Amino acid sequence: MLISIAHAADAAQPDPIMSFLPLIVIFVLFWFLIIRPQMKRAKDTKKMQDGLQKGDEVITASGQIGRITKIGDAYATLEIADGVTCVFQRGAIQSVLPKGTLKDL
């Protein structure tokens, strides 16, 4: 009735690849569901901010809507009303609006 120690030692060892498989699957899911879309979004935002030019109508992260009157490497000057200008960091510009949006407001 007693199992010998030598017989108990012969128990099958788990495959090391199978023990890491859940971690690998979780990493792949994180990559495709979280990391990859965020990298694509950051790339698109960088491309949009690099393509800004004078006369573009934009909206900032704080919700200010205006037309770019002057643009530099780090800052952009927006005209938010007739004769009213504000200076924003380029990174604060969230999106470019279609031409004529300011007239519709």
N, C-alpha and C. Protein backbone atom coordinates (compact mmCIF):
# COMPACT_ATOMS: atom_id res chain seq x y z
N MET A 1 0.81 -1.18 0.00
CA MET A 1 0.00 0.00 0.00
C MET A 1 0.86 1.26 0.00
N LEU A 2 2.02 1.17 0.50
CA LEU A 2 2.89 2.33 0.53
C LEU A 2 3.58 2.49 -0.82
N ILE A 3 3.62 3.71 -1.27
CA ILE A 3 4.28 3.98 -2.55
C ILE A 3 5.74 4.25 -2.25
N SER A 4 6.57 3.64 -2.99
CA SER A 4 8.00 3.84 -2.74
C SER A 4 8.41 5.24 -3.19
N ILE A 5 9.43 5.78 -2.56
CA ILE A 5 9.91 7.12 -2.86
C ILE A 5 10.40 7.19 -4.29
N ALA A 6 11.05 6.18 -4.78
CA ALA A 6 11.57 6.17 -6.15
C ALA A 6 10.42 6.21 -7.15
N HIS A 7 9.35 5.55 -6.85
CA HIS A 7 8.20 5.55 -7.76
C HIS A 7 7.52 6.93 -7.79
N ALA A 8 7.44 7.60 -6.65
CA ALA A 8 6.82 8.92 -6.58
C ALA A 8 7.68 9.96 -7.30
N ALA A 9 8.98 9.80 -7.36
CA ALA A 9 9.87 10.75 -8.02
C ALA A 9 9.73 10.69 -9.54
N ASP A 10 9.19 9.64 -10.07
CA ASP A 10 9.05 9.50 -11.52
C ASP A 10 7.83 10.25 -12.07
N ALA A 11 7.14 11.00 -11.27
CA ALA A 11 5.96 11.73 -11.73
C ALA A 11 6.37 12.69 -12.85
N ALA A 12 5.53 12.84 -13.80
CA ALA A 12 5.84 13.66 -14.98
C ALA A 12 6.01 15.12 -14.58
N GLN A 13 7.08 15.73 -15.04
CA GLN A 13 7.33 17.16 -14.81
C GLN A 13 6.55 17.96 -15.85
N PRO A 14 5.95 19.09 -15.47
CA PRO A 14 5.21 19.89 -16.45
C PRO A 14 6.18 20.48 -17.49
N ASP A 15 5.68 20.58 -18.68
CA ASP A 15 6.48 21.13 -19.78
C ASP A 15 6.72 22.62 -19.51
N PRO A 16 7.98 23.10 -19.56
CA PRO A 16 8.24 24.51 -19.27
C PRO A 16 7.54 25.47 -20.24
N ILE A 17 7.39 25.07 -21.48
CA ILE A 17 6.71 25.93 -22.46
C ILE A 17 5.23 26.07 -22.10
N MET A 18 4.62 24.97 -21.67
CA MET A 18 3.20 25.02 -21.30
C MET A 18 2.97 25.86 -20.04
N SER A 19 3.96 25.94 -19.16
CA SER A 19 3.78 26.75 -17.96
C SER A 19 3.88 28.24 -18.28
N PHE A 20 4.61 28.61 -19.33
CA PHE A 20 4.72 30.02 -19.74
C PHE A 20 3.67 30.41 -20.78
N LEU A 21 2.95 29.46 -21.30
CA LEU A 21 1.96 29.75 -22.34
C LEU A 21 0.91 30.77 -21.92
N PRO A 22 0.34 30.71 -20.72
CA PRO A 22 -0.63 31.74 -20.33
C PRO A 22 -0.04 33.15 -20.32
N LEU A 23 1.21 33.29 -19.86
CA LEU A 23 1.86 34.60 -19.87
C LEU A 23 2.07 35.10 -21.29
N ILE A 24 2.44 34.23 -22.18
CA ILE A 24 2.65 34.60 -23.58
C ILE A 24 1.33 35.04 -24.21
N VAL A 25 0.26 34.32 -23.94
CA VAL A 25 -1.05 34.66 -24.48
C VAL A 25 -1.51 36.02 -23.94
N ILE A 26 -1.32 36.27 -22.66
CA ILE A 26 -1.72 37.56 -22.07
C ILE A 26 -0.92 38.70 -22.70
N PHE A 27 0.38 38.51 -22.90
CA PHE A 27 1.20 39.54 -23.53
C PHE A 27 0.73 39.83 -24.96
N VAL A 28 0.42 38.79 -25.71
CA VAL A 28 -0.06 38.98 -27.09
C VAL A 28 -1.39 39.73 -27.09
N LEU A 29 -2.29 39.39 -26.19
CA LEU A 29 -3.56 40.11 -26.09
C LEU A 29 -3.35 41.58 -25.73
N PHE A 30 -2.48 41.86 -24.76
CA PHE A 30 -2.18 43.24 -24.40
C PHE A 30 -1.61 43.98 -25.59
N TRP A 31 -0.73 43.34 -26.34
CA TRP A 31 -0.10 43.97 -27.49
C TRP A 31 -1.15 44.40 -28.52
N PHE A 32 -2.04 43.50 -28.88
CA PHE A 32 -3.01 43.80 -29.92
C PHE A 32 -4.19 44.65 -29.45
N LEU A 33 -4.53 44.59 -28.16
CA LEU A 33 -5.69 45.33 -27.68
C LEU A 33 -5.34 46.67 -27.04
N ILE A 34 -4.12 46.85 -26.55
CA ILE A 34 -3.77 48.07 -25.84
C ILE A 34 -2.57 48.79 -26.46
N ILE A 35 -1.45 48.13 -26.54
CA ILE A 35 -0.20 48.79 -26.94
C ILE A 35 -0.23 49.21 -28.40
N ARG A 36 -0.58 48.33 -29.29
CA ARG A 36 -0.55 48.63 -30.73
C ARG A 36 -1.50 49.76 -31.12
N PRO A 37 -2.77 49.77 -30.68
CA PRO A 37 -3.65 50.90 -31.02
C PRO A 37 -3.15 52.23 -30.45
N GLN A 38 -2.58 52.21 -29.25
CA GLN A 38 -2.08 53.45 -28.66
C GLN A 38 -0.89 53.97 -29.44
N MET A 39 -0.01 53.10 -29.91
CA MET A 39 1.13 53.53 -30.72
C MET A 39 0.64 54.12 -32.04
N LYS A 40 -0.38 53.53 -32.64
CA LYS A 40 -0.92 54.04 -33.91
C LYS A 40 -1.55 55.42 -33.70
N ARG A 41 -2.29 55.59 -32.61
CA ARG A 41 -2.91 56.87 -32.30
C ARG A 41 -1.85 57.95 -32.08
N ALA A 42 -0.78 57.61 -31.36
CA ALA A 42 0.30 58.57 -31.11
C ALA A 42 0.99 58.95 -32.41
N LYS A 43 1.18 57.98 -33.29
CA LYS A 43 1.80 58.24 -34.59
C LYS A 43 0.93 59.17 -35.43
N ASP A 44 -0.38 58.94 -35.45
CA ASP A 44 -1.30 59.79 -36.20
C ASP A 44 -1.34 61.21 -35.64
N THR A 45 -1.31 61.35 -34.31
CA THR A 45 -1.31 62.67 -33.68
C THR A 45 -0.03 63.42 -34.02
N LYS A 46 1.09 62.75 -33.97
CA LYS A 46 2.38 63.37 -34.31
C LYS A 46 2.37 63.82 -35.77
N LYS A 47 1.85 63.00 -36.66
CA LYS A 47 1.77 63.35 -38.08
C LYS A 47 0.89 64.58 -38.28
N MET A 48 -0.25 64.65 -37.57
CA MET A 48 -1.15 65.79 -37.68
C MET A 48 -0.48 67.06 -37.16
N GLN A 49 0.22 66.96 -36.03
CA GLN A 49 0.87 68.14 -35.47
C GLN A 49 2.04 68.61 -36.31
N ASP A 50 2.72 67.70 -36.97
CA ASP A 50 3.81 68.10 -37.87
C ASP A 50 3.29 68.75 -39.14
N GLY A 51 2.08 68.43 -39.54
CA GLY A 51 1.50 68.95 -40.76
C GLY A 51 0.72 70.25 -40.58
N LEU A 52 0.71 70.81 -39.38
CA LEU A 52 -0.02 72.06 -39.15
C LEU A 52 0.62 73.20 -39.94
N GLN A 53 -0.23 74.07 -40.44
CA GLN A 53 0.27 75.23 -41.17
C GLN A 53 -0.63 76.43 -40.91
N LYS A 54 -0.13 77.58 -41.30
CA LYS A 54 -0.87 78.82 -41.09
C LYS A 54 -2.20 78.76 -41.84
N GLY A 55 -3.27 79.19 -41.17
CA GLY A 55 -4.59 79.20 -41.77
C GLY A 55 -5.45 78.00 -41.41
N ASP A 56 -4.86 76.96 -40.82
CA ASP A 56 -5.65 75.79 -40.41
C ASP A 56 -6.56 76.16 -39.24
N GLU A 57 -7.75 75.61 -39.25
CA GLU A 57 -8.68 75.79 -38.14
C GLU A 57 -8.56 74.56 -37.25
N VAL A 58 -8.28 74.81 -35.97
CA VAL A 58 -7.97 73.71 -35.05
C VAL A 58 -8.76 73.84 -33.76
N ILE A 59 -8.77 72.73 -33.02
CA ILE A 59 -9.33 72.73 -31.67
C ILE A 59 -8.23 72.23 -30.74
N THR A 60 -8.09 72.88 -29.60
CA THR A 60 -7.06 72.50 -28.64
C THR A 60 -7.63 71.49 -27.65
N ALA A 61 -6.74 70.94 -26.83
CA ALA A 61 -7.17 69.97 -25.82
C ALA A 61 -8.07 70.62 -24.78
N SER A 62 -7.97 71.94 -24.60
CA SER A 62 -8.82 72.63 -23.62
C SER A 62 -10.15 73.06 -24.22
N GLY A 63 -10.34 72.84 -25.53
CA GLY A 63 -11.61 73.15 -26.15
C GLY A 63 -11.65 74.47 -26.90
N GLN A 64 -10.54 75.19 -26.93
CA GLN A 64 -10.48 76.45 -27.68
C GLN A 64 -10.45 76.16 -29.17
N ILE A 65 -11.27 76.89 -29.93
CA ILE A 65 -11.30 76.73 -31.38
C ILE A 65 -10.75 78.01 -31.98
N GLY A 66 -9.84 77.86 -32.95
CA GLY A 66 -9.27 79.05 -33.56
C GLY A 66 -8.55 78.72 -34.85
N ARG A 67 -8.06 79.79 -35.47
CA ARG A 67 -7.31 79.68 -36.74
C ARG A 67 -5.84 79.98 -36.43
N ILE A 68 -4.95 79.18 -36.95
CA ILE A 68 -3.52 79.38 -36.74
C ILE A 68 -3.07 80.60 -37.53
N THR A 69 -2.47 81.56 -36.81
CA THR A 69 -1.95 82.76 -37.49
C THR A 69 -0.43 82.73 -37.57
N LYS A 70 0.19 82.03 -36.66
CA LYS A 70 1.65 81.94 -36.64
C LYS A 70 2.01 80.60 -36.03
N ILE A 71 2.98 79.92 -36.61
CA ILE A 71 3.36 78.61 -36.08
C ILE A 71 4.87 78.50 -36.03
N GLY A 72 5.37 77.98 -34.93
CA GLY A 72 6.80 77.77 -34.75
C GLY A 72 7.06 76.31 -34.44
N ASP A 73 8.29 76.02 -33.98
CA ASP A 73 8.64 74.64 -33.67
C ASP A 73 7.90 74.12 -32.44
N ALA A 74 7.73 74.96 -31.43
CA ALA A 74 7.12 74.50 -30.19
C ALA A 74 5.76 75.14 -29.91
N TYR A 75 5.49 76.31 -30.50
CA TYR A 75 4.26 77.05 -30.17
C TYR A 75 3.50 77.43 -31.42
N ALA A 76 2.20 77.62 -31.25
CA ALA A 76 1.33 78.09 -32.32
C ALA A 76 0.46 79.22 -31.76
N THR A 77 0.29 80.25 -32.56
CA THR A 77 -0.57 81.36 -32.16
C THR A 77 -1.91 81.19 -32.86
N LEU A 78 -2.97 81.16 -32.06
CA LEU A 78 -4.32 80.98 -32.59
C LEU A 78 -5.11 82.26 -32.45
N GLU A 79 -5.85 82.61 -33.49
CA GLU A 79 -6.78 83.72 -33.42
C GLU A 79 -8.14 83.10 -33.07
N ILE A 80 -8.59 83.38 -31.84
CA ILE A 80 -9.83 82.75 -31.37
C ILE A 80 -11.03 83.66 -31.57
N ALA A 81 -10.80 84.93 -31.85
CA ALA A 81 -11.84 85.89 -32.20
C ALA A 81 -11.17 87.01 -32.99
N ASP A 82 -11.95 87.93 -33.52
CA ASP A 82 -11.36 89.03 -34.28
C ASP A 82 -10.43 89.84 -33.40
N GLY A 83 -9.15 89.81 -33.71
CA GLY A 83 -8.16 90.58 -32.97
C GLY A 83 -7.72 89.96 -31.66
N VAL A 84 -8.20 88.79 -31.31
CA VAL A 84 -7.83 88.12 -30.06
C VAL A 84 -6.97 86.90 -30.40
N THR A 85 -5.72 86.92 -29.94
CA THR A 85 -4.83 85.80 -30.21
C THR A 85 -4.33 85.19 -28.90
N CYS A 86 -4.07 83.92 -28.93
CA CYS A 86 -3.53 83.18 -27.79
C CYS A 86 -2.41 82.29 -28.29
N VAL A 87 -1.43 82.07 -27.45
CA VAL A 87 -0.30 81.22 -27.81
C VAL A 87 -0.48 79.87 -27.10
N PHE A 88 -0.39 78.79 -27.88
CA PHE A 88 -0.54 77.43 -27.35
C PHE A 88 0.68 76.61 -27.74
N GLN A 89 0.96 75.60 -26.95
CA GLN A 89 1.98 74.63 -27.35
C GLN A 89 1.42 73.80 -28.49
N ARG A 90 2.29 73.37 -29.39
CA ARG A 90 1.83 72.55 -30.51
C ARG A 90 1.17 71.26 -30.02
N GLY A 91 1.68 70.71 -28.93
CA GLY A 91 1.12 69.48 -28.38
C GLY A 91 -0.29 69.63 -27.85
N ALA A 92 -0.71 70.88 -27.59
CA ALA A 92 -2.06 71.12 -27.07
C ALA A 92 -3.10 71.10 -28.17
N ILE A 93 -2.66 71.11 -29.42
CA ILE A 93 -3.61 71.08 -30.53
C ILE A 93 -4.07 69.65 -30.73
N GLN A 94 -5.36 69.45 -30.59
CA GLN A 94 -5.91 68.10 -30.59
C GLN A 94 -6.30 67.62 -31.98
N SER A 95 -6.94 68.49 -32.77
CA SER A 95 -7.34 68.06 -34.10
C SER A 95 -7.52 69.25 -35.02
N VAL A 96 -7.45 68.97 -36.31
CA VAL A 96 -7.66 69.99 -37.34
C VAL A 96 -9.11 69.88 -37.79
N LEU A 97 -9.77 71.02 -37.85
CA LEU A 97 -11.17 71.06 -38.26
C LEU A 97 -11.27 71.34 -39.75
N PRO A 98 -12.37 70.96 -40.38
CA PRO A 98 -12.56 71.28 -41.79
C PRO A 98 -12.64 72.80 -42.01
N LYS A 99 -12.18 73.25 -43.16
CA LYS A 99 -12.20 74.68 -43.48
C LYS A 99 -13.65 75.20 -43.42
N GLY A 100 -13.81 76.40 -42.87
CA GLY A 100 -15.13 77.01 -42.78
C GLY A 100 -15.88 76.69 -41.50
N THR A 101 -15.30 75.92 -40.62
CA THR A 101 -15.97 75.55 -39.38
C THR A 101 -16.20 76.78 -38.51
N LEU A 102 -15.24 77.68 -38.47
CA LEU A 102 -15.38 78.87 -37.63
C LEU A 102 -16.51 79.77 -38.10
N LYS A 103 -16.77 79.80 -39.39
CA LYS A 103 -17.85 80.64 -39.91
C LYS A 103 -19.22 80.06 -39.53
N ASP A 104 -19.28 78.74 -39.39
CA ASP A 104 -20.54 78.08 -39.04
C ASP A 104 -20.91 78.26 -37.57
N LEU A 105 -19.92 78.60 -36.74
CA LEU A 105 -20.20 78.74 -35.30
C LEU A 105 -20.85 80.02 -35.05
